Amino acid sequence: MAVKKSAPPKRSATSSLAPWQVVSEQQIFAAPPWIRLFRQTVLLPDGRIIDDYHRVQLADYAVIAARRELLEETGYVAEEWRSISRYVCNSNYGCGTAHLFAARNARQVAEPHSGDLEEMEILLLSAAETLQALRDGRMAALGAVTALALAFNLGR
């Protein structure tokens, strides 16, 4: 059995966890240049083999998607974007990457039009008010809380 060493999930340089090994991989769907879907057989560090693991490969358009989402969800645009970081949301499977950005000098150019069923309230807060809302637990969405906490702590 040939084992391909480049495998999900990607581990940090400081991790002592063994990575998964890809035994075989077959592309089962492609919509170039945006997305490709693979079916893999993977060997886990404990010796188990998973025969029907699926991996999605997206084009690196994270900041484009972030800009679009800001406009759709809030009606705002921003000219200055900084990457905070990216994190794997589901470490068991090494999938669901969250790309976090800080957008500065945003201005409203349209009304929000998300087209989904999510309820949302857009509040404009100063940096001090935002920090206090984080401390008080008044923000409900984990993604927003994480991005804001990292942006404040990393000075982005």
N, C-alpha and C. Protein backbone atom coordinates (compact mmCIF):
# COMPACT_ATOMS: atom_id res chain seq x y z
N MET A 1 0.85 -1.17 0.00
CA MET A 1 0.00 0.00 0.00
C MET A 1 0.89 1.23 0.00
N ALA A 2 0.81 2.05 -1.06
CA ALA A 2 1.57 3.29 -1.15
C ALA A 2 0.88 4.35 -0.31
N VAL A 3 1.66 5.09 0.45
CA VAL A 3 1.09 6.11 1.33
C VAL A 3 1.65 7.46 0.93
N LYS A 4 0.75 8.38 0.63
CA LYS A 4 1.12 9.74 0.29
C LYS A 4 1.26 10.52 1.60
N LYS A 5 2.38 11.19 1.80
CA LYS A 5 2.67 11.84 3.08
C LYS A 5 1.95 13.17 3.28
N SER A 6 1.60 13.87 2.22
CA SER A 6 0.91 15.16 2.40
C SER A 6 -0.56 14.88 2.64
N ALA A 7 -1.01 15.07 3.87
CA ALA A 7 -2.36 14.65 4.23
C ALA A 7 -3.02 15.63 5.17
N PRO A 8 -4.34 15.67 5.15
CA PRO A 8 -5.06 16.47 6.13
C PRO A 8 -5.03 15.78 7.47
N PRO A 9 -5.20 16.40 8.57
CA PRO A 9 -5.21 17.84 8.69
C PRO A 9 -3.80 18.38 8.77
N LYS A 10 -3.60 19.62 8.35
CA LYS A 10 -2.30 20.24 8.48
C LYS A 10 -2.07 20.56 9.95
N ARG A 11 -0.94 20.24 10.43
CA ARG A 11 -0.60 20.49 11.83
C ARG A 11 0.41 21.63 11.91
N SER A 12 0.41 22.32 13.01
CA SER A 12 1.37 23.40 13.18
C SER A 12 2.75 22.82 13.46
N ALA A 13 3.77 23.65 13.28
CA ALA A 13 5.14 23.19 13.51
C ALA A 13 5.37 22.80 14.96
N THR A 14 4.53 23.29 15.87
CA THR A 14 4.71 22.99 17.28
C THR A 14 3.88 21.80 17.75
N SER A 15 3.11 21.20 16.86
CA SER A 15 2.24 20.10 17.24
C SER A 15 3.01 18.79 17.29
N SER A 16 2.70 17.98 18.30
CA SER A 16 3.30 16.65 18.39
C SER A 16 2.35 15.58 17.87
N LEU A 17 1.18 16.00 17.36
CA LEU A 17 0.20 15.06 16.84
C LEU A 17 0.63 14.56 15.47
N ALA A 18 0.47 13.28 15.24
CA ALA A 18 0.82 12.70 13.94
C ALA A 18 -0.24 13.06 12.91
N PRO A 19 0.18 13.42 11.69
CA PRO A 19 -0.80 13.75 10.65
C PRO A 19 -1.42 12.50 10.06
N TRP A 20 -2.56 12.68 9.45
CA TRP A 20 -3.19 11.60 8.69
C TRP A 20 -2.36 11.38 7.43
N GLN A 21 -2.40 10.17 6.91
CA GLN A 21 -1.68 9.87 5.67
C GLN A 21 -2.70 9.49 4.60
N VAL A 22 -2.55 10.08 3.42
CA VAL A 22 -3.45 9.77 2.31
C VAL A 22 -2.93 8.54 1.60
N VAL A 23 -3.75 7.48 1.59
CA VAL A 23 -3.40 6.24 0.92
C VAL A 23 -3.75 6.34 -0.56
N SER A 24 -4.92 6.89 -0.86
CA SER A 24 -5.33 7.08 -2.25
C SER A 24 -6.25 8.29 -2.31
N GLU A 25 -6.34 8.86 -3.50
CA GLU A 25 -7.16 10.05 -3.68
C GLU A 25 -7.71 10.06 -5.10
N GLN A 26 -9.00 10.40 -5.22
CA GLN A 26 -9.65 10.48 -6.53
C GLN A 26 -10.47 11.76 -6.57
N GLN A 27 -10.24 12.59 -7.58
CA GLN A 27 -11.07 13.78 -7.75
C GLN A 27 -12.43 13.34 -8.26
N ILE A 28 -13.50 13.76 -7.56
CA ILE A 28 -14.84 13.33 -7.96
C ILE A 28 -15.71 14.48 -8.46
N PHE A 29 -15.24 15.72 -8.29
CA PHE A 29 -15.97 16.87 -8.79
C PHE A 29 -15.01 18.03 -8.94
N ALA A 30 -15.22 18.83 -9.98
CA ALA A 30 -14.40 20.03 -10.17
C ALA A 30 -15.24 21.12 -10.82
N ALA A 31 -15.08 22.32 -10.34
CA ALA A 31 -15.67 23.51 -10.95
C ALA A 31 -14.57 24.57 -10.98
N PRO A 32 -13.61 24.39 -11.91
CA PRO A 32 -12.46 25.30 -11.96
C PRO A 32 -12.90 26.73 -12.21
N PRO A 33 -12.26 27.72 -11.64
CA PRO A 33 -11.12 27.59 -10.74
C PRO A 33 -11.51 27.60 -9.27
N TRP A 34 -12.81 27.44 -8.97
CA TRP A 34 -13.28 27.69 -7.61
C TRP A 34 -13.21 26.51 -6.66
N ILE A 35 -13.55 25.32 -7.10
CA ILE A 35 -13.68 24.22 -6.13
C ILE A 35 -13.34 22.88 -6.77
N ARG A 36 -12.75 22.01 -5.97
CA ARG A 36 -12.54 20.61 -6.36
C ARG A 36 -12.89 19.74 -5.15
N LEU A 37 -13.49 18.59 -5.41
CA LEU A 37 -13.87 17.65 -4.36
C LEU A 37 -13.15 16.34 -4.60
N PHE A 38 -12.56 15.78 -3.53
CA PHE A 38 -11.80 14.55 -3.62
C PHE A 38 -12.38 13.50 -2.67
N ARG A 39 -12.33 12.26 -3.09
CA ARG A 39 -12.62 11.12 -2.21
C ARG A 39 -11.27 10.50 -1.90
N GLN A 40 -11.01 10.30 -0.61
CA GLN A 40 -9.72 9.77 -0.18
C GLN A 40 -9.90 8.54 0.69
N THR A 41 -8.87 7.73 0.69
CA THR A 41 -8.69 6.70 1.71
C THR A 41 -7.54 7.21 2.57
N VAL A 42 -7.78 7.34 3.88
CA VAL A 42 -6.75 7.88 4.76
C VAL A 42 -6.40 6.89 5.87
N LEU A 43 -5.14 6.92 6.25
CA LEU A 43 -4.64 6.10 7.34
C LEU A 43 -4.47 7.01 8.56
N LEU A 44 -5.19 6.71 9.64
CA LEU A 44 -5.12 7.51 10.85
C LEU A 44 -3.90 7.10 11.68
N PRO A 45 -3.40 7.98 12.54
CA PRO A 45 -2.24 7.66 13.36
C PRO A 45 -2.40 6.39 14.20
N ASP A 46 -3.65 6.05 14.57
CA ASP A 46 -3.86 4.84 15.39
C ASP A 46 -3.97 3.57 14.54
N GLY A 47 -3.77 3.67 13.22
CA GLY A 47 -3.77 2.51 12.35
C GLY A 47 -5.09 2.25 11.63
N ARG A 48 -6.16 2.94 12.04
CA ARG A 48 -7.44 2.75 11.36
C ARG A 48 -7.38 3.35 9.96
N ILE A 49 -8.12 2.73 9.04
CA ILE A 49 -8.22 3.23 7.67
C ILE A 49 -9.65 3.69 7.42
N ILE A 50 -9.78 4.92 6.91
CA ILE A 50 -11.07 5.48 6.55
C ILE A 50 -11.13 5.47 5.02
N ASP A 51 -12.09 4.70 4.48
CA ASP A 51 -12.15 4.51 3.04
C ASP A 51 -12.93 5.59 2.29
N ASP A 52 -13.76 6.34 2.96
CA ASP A 52 -14.62 7.28 2.25
C ASP A 52 -14.54 8.66 2.88
N TYR A 53 -13.34 9.20 2.97
CA TYR A 53 -13.12 10.53 3.49
C TYR A 53 -13.21 11.51 2.33
N HIS A 54 -13.86 12.65 2.54
CA HIS A 54 -14.00 13.64 1.47
C HIS A 54 -13.27 14.92 1.86
N ARG A 55 -12.60 15.50 0.87
CA ARG A 55 -11.85 16.73 1.08
C ARG A 55 -12.25 17.73 0.01
N VAL A 56 -12.53 18.95 0.43
CA VAL A 56 -12.88 20.03 -0.49
C VAL A 56 -11.69 20.96 -0.59
N GLN A 57 -11.35 21.32 -1.82
CA GLN A 57 -10.27 22.27 -2.05
C GLN A 57 -10.87 23.50 -2.73
N LEU A 58 -10.81 24.61 -2.03
CA LEU A 58 -11.36 25.86 -2.56
C LEU A 58 -10.23 26.74 -3.07
N ALA A 59 -10.54 27.53 -4.07
CA ALA A 59 -9.58 28.51 -4.54
C ALA A 59 -9.32 29.53 -3.43
N ASP A 60 -8.19 30.17 -3.47
CA ASP A 60 -7.81 31.10 -2.41
C ASP A 60 -8.43 32.47 -2.66
N TYR A 61 -9.74 32.54 -2.48
CA TYR A 61 -10.47 33.78 -2.67
C TYR A 61 -11.07 34.27 -1.36
N ALA A 62 -10.40 33.99 -0.25
CA ALA A 62 -10.98 34.30 1.06
C ALA A 62 -11.28 35.78 1.23
N VAL A 63 -10.37 36.65 0.84
CA VAL A 63 -10.61 38.08 1.04
C VAL A 63 -11.71 38.58 0.10
N ILE A 64 -11.83 38.00 -1.08
CA ILE A 64 -12.92 38.37 -1.99
C ILE A 64 -14.26 37.98 -1.37
N ALA A 65 -14.31 36.77 -0.80
CA ALA A 65 -15.54 36.32 -0.14
C ALA A 65 -15.84 37.18 1.08
N ALA A 66 -14.82 37.56 1.82
CA ALA A 66 -15.03 38.41 3.01
C ALA A 66 -15.59 39.78 2.60
N ARG A 67 -15.07 40.35 1.54
CA ARG A 67 -15.58 41.64 1.05
C ARG A 67 -17.05 41.52 0.64
N ARG A 68 -17.36 40.46 -0.10
CA ARG A 68 -18.74 40.23 -0.56
C ARG A 68 -19.68 40.05 0.63
N GLU A 69 -19.26 39.26 1.62
CA GLU A 69 -20.10 39.02 2.80
C GLU A 69 -20.33 40.30 3.58
N LEU A 70 -19.30 41.11 3.75
CA LEU A 70 -19.48 42.38 4.47
C LEU A 70 -20.53 43.24 3.77
N LEU A 71 -20.43 43.33 2.45
CA LEU A 71 -21.40 44.13 1.69
C LEU A 71 -22.80 43.54 1.79
N GLU A 72 -22.95 42.24 1.58
CA GLU A 72 -24.27 41.61 1.61
C GLU A 72 -24.91 41.69 3.00
N GLU A 73 -24.14 41.38 4.02
CA GLU A 73 -24.68 41.27 5.37
C GLU A 73 -24.90 42.63 6.04
N THR A 74 -24.06 43.62 5.67
CA THR A 74 -24.15 44.90 6.38
C THR A 74 -24.40 46.11 5.48
N GLY A 75 -24.10 45.98 4.19
CA GLY A 75 -24.20 47.13 3.30
C GLY A 75 -22.94 47.99 3.33
N TYR A 76 -21.89 47.51 3.98
CA TYR A 76 -20.64 48.26 4.11
C TYR A 76 -19.57 47.74 3.18
N VAL A 77 -18.66 48.63 2.79
CA VAL A 77 -17.43 48.27 2.09
C VAL A 77 -16.26 48.86 2.87
N ALA A 78 -15.09 48.26 2.71
CA ALA A 78 -13.88 48.77 3.36
C ALA A 78 -12.74 48.67 2.36
N GLU A 79 -11.89 49.65 2.34
CA GLU A 79 -10.76 49.65 1.42
C GLU A 79 -9.55 48.94 1.99
N GLU A 80 -9.40 48.96 3.31
CA GLU A 80 -8.22 48.36 3.93
C GLU A 80 -8.59 47.04 4.61
N TRP A 81 -7.96 45.96 4.15
CA TRP A 81 -8.21 44.63 4.70
C TRP A 81 -6.89 44.02 5.14
N ARG A 82 -6.90 43.48 6.35
CA ARG A 82 -5.71 42.78 6.86
C ARG A 82 -6.12 41.38 7.29
N SER A 83 -5.31 40.43 6.92
CA SER A 83 -5.56 39.06 7.36
C SER A 83 -5.14 38.95 8.82
N ILE A 84 -6.05 38.46 9.67
CA ILE A 84 -5.71 38.19 11.07
C ILE A 84 -5.02 36.84 11.14
N SER A 85 -5.67 35.84 10.57
CA SER A 85 -5.09 34.50 10.51
C SER A 85 -6.13 33.58 9.89
N ARG A 86 -5.80 32.31 9.80
CA ARG A 86 -6.77 31.30 9.39
C ARG A 86 -6.62 30.11 10.32
N TYR A 87 -7.76 29.48 10.61
CA TYR A 87 -7.81 28.40 11.58
C TYR A 87 -8.70 27.28 11.05
N VAL A 88 -8.36 26.06 11.42
CA VAL A 88 -9.18 24.91 11.08
C VAL A 88 -10.30 24.82 12.11
N CYS A 89 -11.55 24.84 11.64
CA CYS A 89 -12.70 24.81 12.54
C CYS A 89 -12.98 23.42 13.09
N ASN A 90 -12.71 22.40 12.31
CA ASN A 90 -12.97 21.03 12.73
C ASN A 90 -11.66 20.27 12.71
N SER A 91 -10.95 20.28 13.84
CA SER A 91 -9.62 19.69 13.88
C SER A 91 -9.63 18.17 13.76
N ASN A 92 -10.73 17.52 14.08
CA ASN A 92 -10.79 16.07 13.90
C ASN A 92 -10.62 15.69 12.44
N TYR A 93 -11.21 16.47 11.55
CA TYR A 93 -11.18 16.16 10.13
C TYR A 93 -10.28 17.08 9.34
N GLY A 94 -9.75 18.12 9.97
CA GLY A 94 -8.88 19.05 9.28
C GLY A 94 -9.60 19.85 8.21
N CYS A 95 -10.86 20.17 8.43
CA CYS A 95 -11.64 20.88 7.41
C CYS A 95 -12.35 22.06 8.03
N GLY A 96 -12.99 22.83 7.18
CA GLY A 96 -13.75 23.98 7.65
C GLY A 96 -12.83 25.11 8.07
N THR A 97 -11.99 25.59 7.19
CA THR A 97 -11.05 26.65 7.53
C THR A 97 -11.77 27.99 7.65
N ALA A 98 -11.51 28.69 8.74
CA ALA A 98 -12.02 30.04 8.94
C ALA A 98 -10.90 31.02 8.63
N HIS A 99 -11.16 31.93 7.72
CA HIS A 99 -10.21 32.99 7.38
C HIS A 99 -10.72 34.25 8.06
N LEU A 100 -9.92 34.81 8.96
CA LEU A 100 -10.34 35.98 9.73
C LEU A 100 -9.62 37.22 9.23
N PHE A 101 -10.38 38.29 9.02
CA PHE A 101 -9.85 39.54 8.50
C PHE A 101 -10.28 40.70 9.37
N ALA A 102 -9.48 41.75 9.36
CA ALA A 102 -9.86 43.03 9.95
C ALA A 102 -10.06 44.00 8.78
N ALA A 103 -11.22 44.62 8.74
CA ALA A 103 -11.53 45.61 7.70
C ALA A 103 -11.56 46.97 8.38
N ARG A 104 -10.82 47.91 7.84
CA ARG A 104 -10.74 49.24 8.45
C ARG A 104 -11.35 50.29 7.54
N ASN A 105 -11.80 51.37 8.18
CA ASN A 105 -12.38 52.52 7.47
C ASN A 105 -13.56 52.10 6.60
N ALA A 106 -14.43 51.30 7.17
CA ALA A 106 -15.62 50.84 6.45
C ALA A 106 -16.64 51.97 6.37
N ARG A 107 -17.39 51.94 5.29
CA ARG A 107 -18.46 52.93 5.11
C ARG A 107 -19.65 52.24 4.47
N GLN A 108 -20.84 52.71 4.85
CA GLN A 108 -22.06 52.11 4.31
C GLN A 108 -22.34 52.68 2.93
N VAL A 109 -22.57 51.75 1.96
CA VAL A 109 -22.87 52.16 0.59
C VAL A 109 -24.21 51.61 0.11
N ALA A 110 -24.81 50.73 0.89
CA ALA A 110 -26.08 50.11 0.49
C ALA A 110 -26.79 49.61 1.74
N GLU A 111 -28.02 49.20 1.57
CA GLU A 111 -28.75 48.54 2.65
C GLU A 111 -28.32 47.08 2.70
N PRO A 112 -28.32 46.46 3.88
CA PRO A 112 -28.00 45.03 3.97
C PRO A 112 -28.97 44.20 3.14
N HIS A 113 -28.45 43.18 2.49
CA HIS A 113 -29.31 42.29 1.70
C HIS A 113 -28.66 40.90 1.69
N SER A 114 -28.77 40.18 2.80
CA SER A 114 -28.09 38.90 2.92
C SER A 114 -28.81 37.78 2.18
N GLY A 115 -30.13 37.87 2.05
CA GLY A 115 -30.87 36.85 1.35
C GLY A 115 -30.98 35.53 2.10
N ASP A 116 -30.59 35.51 3.37
CA ASP A 116 -30.73 34.28 4.14
C ASP A 116 -31.71 34.49 5.29
N LEU A 117 -31.85 33.51 6.11
CA LEU A 117 -32.83 33.57 7.20
C LEU A 117 -32.24 34.01 8.53
N GLU A 118 -30.96 34.31 8.54
CA GLU A 118 -30.30 34.70 9.77
C GLU A 118 -30.79 36.06 10.25
N GLU A 119 -31.15 36.12 11.53
CA GLU A 119 -31.51 37.41 12.12
C GLU A 119 -30.24 38.12 12.54
N MET A 120 -30.19 39.42 12.29
CA MET A 120 -28.99 40.15 12.59
C MET A 120 -29.35 41.57 12.99
N GLU A 121 -28.57 42.11 13.92
CA GLU A 121 -28.70 43.50 14.30
C GLU A 121 -27.34 44.14 14.10
N ILE A 122 -27.28 45.19 13.31
CA ILE A 122 -26.02 45.87 13.05
C ILE A 122 -25.90 47.05 14.00
N LEU A 123 -24.87 47.00 14.84
CA LEU A 123 -24.62 48.06 15.81
C LEU A 123 -23.26 48.67 15.53
N LEU A 124 -23.17 49.98 15.59
CA LEU A 124 -21.89 50.66 15.43
C LEU A 124 -21.36 50.99 16.83
N LEU A 125 -20.20 50.39 17.16
CA LEU A 125 -19.63 50.55 18.49
C LEU A 125 -18.21 51.11 18.38
N SER A 126 -17.82 51.88 19.36
CA SER A 126 -16.42 52.32 19.44
C SER A 126 -15.57 51.12 19.86
N ALA A 127 -14.25 51.27 19.78
CA ALA A 127 -13.36 50.19 20.21
C ALA A 127 -13.60 49.86 21.68
N ALA A 128 -13.76 50.86 22.52
CA ALA A 128 -13.98 50.64 23.95
C ALA A 128 -15.32 49.92 24.19
N GLU A 129 -16.36 50.33 23.46
CA GLU A 129 -17.66 49.68 23.60
C GLU A 129 -17.62 48.23 23.11
N THR A 130 -16.86 47.98 22.05
CA THR A 130 -16.73 46.62 21.53
C THR A 130 -16.03 45.72 22.54
N LEU A 131 -14.95 46.22 23.12
CA LEU A 131 -14.23 45.44 24.14
C LEU A 131 -15.12 45.13 25.33
N GLN A 132 -15.91 46.11 25.74
CA GLN A 132 -16.81 45.89 26.88
C GLN A 132 -17.88 44.86 26.53
N ALA A 133 -18.41 44.92 25.32
CA ALA A 133 -19.41 43.94 24.89
C ALA A 133 -18.81 42.54 24.85
N LEU A 134 -17.56 42.43 24.42
CA LEU A 134 -16.86 41.13 24.44
C LEU A 134 -16.73 40.61 25.87
N ARG A 135 -16.29 41.49 26.76
CA ARG A 135 -16.10 41.10 28.18
C ARG A 135 -17.41 40.70 28.85
N ASP A 136 -18.49 41.39 28.48
CA ASP A 136 -19.80 41.15 29.10
C ASP A 136 -20.54 39.96 28.49
N GLY A 137 -20.01 39.39 27.41
CA GLY A 137 -20.69 38.27 26.76
C GLY A 137 -21.92 38.69 25.97
N ARG A 138 -21.96 39.93 25.51
CA ARG A 138 -23.13 40.42 24.77
C ARG A 138 -23.07 40.13 23.28
N MET A 139 -22.05 39.45 22.82
CA MET A 139 -21.96 39.05 21.41
C MET A 139 -22.19 37.56 21.34
N ALA A 140 -23.07 37.14 20.44
CA ALA A 140 -23.50 35.74 20.43
C ALA A 140 -22.77 34.87 19.41
N ALA A 141 -22.24 35.44 18.36
CA ALA A 141 -21.64 34.64 17.29
C ALA A 141 -20.16 34.38 17.56
N LEU A 142 -19.81 33.11 17.68
CA LEU A 142 -18.43 32.73 18.02
C LEU A 142 -17.42 33.26 17.00
N GLY A 143 -17.77 33.22 15.72
CA GLY A 143 -16.84 33.71 14.71
C GLY A 143 -16.52 35.18 14.89
N ALA A 144 -17.54 35.99 15.17
CA ALA A 144 -17.33 37.42 15.38
C ALA A 144 -16.53 37.67 16.66
N VAL A 145 -16.86 36.96 17.71
CA VAL A 145 -16.15 37.11 18.99
C VAL A 145 -14.67 36.76 18.81
N THR A 146 -14.41 35.65 18.14
CA THR A 146 -13.03 35.21 17.92
C THR A 146 -12.26 36.22 17.09
N ALA A 147 -12.84 36.67 15.98
CA ALA A 147 -12.17 37.62 15.11
C ALA A 147 -11.88 38.93 15.84
N LEU A 148 -12.86 39.43 16.59
CA LEU A 148 -12.66 40.69 17.31
C LEU A 148 -11.61 40.54 18.42
N ALA A 149 -11.70 39.47 19.18
CA ALA A 149 -10.72 39.24 20.26
C ALA A 149 -9.30 39.14 19.69
N LEU A 150 -9.15 38.41 18.60
CA LEU A 150 -7.82 38.29 17.99
C LEU A 150 -7.36 39.63 17.42
N ALA A 151 -8.25 40.36 16.76
CA ALA A 151 -7.87 41.65 16.19
C ALA A 151 -7.39 42.60 17.29
N PHE A 152 -8.09 42.64 18.41
CA PHE A 152 -7.67 43.52 19.51
C PHE A 152 -6.37 43.04 20.12
N ASN A 153 -6.23 41.75 20.35
CA ASN A 153 -5.04 41.22 21.02
C ASN A 153 -3.81 41.18 20.12
N LEU A 154 -4.01 41.05 18.82
CA LEU A 154 -2.87 41.00 17.91
C LEU A 154 -2.58 42.35 17.28
N GLY A 155 -3.37 43.36 17.66
CA GLY A 155 -3.15 44.71 17.15
C GLY A 155 -3.38 44.87 15.66
N ARG A 156 -4.31 44.10 15.12
CA ARG A 156 -4.58 44.18 13.68
C ARG A 156 -5.61 45.24 13.44
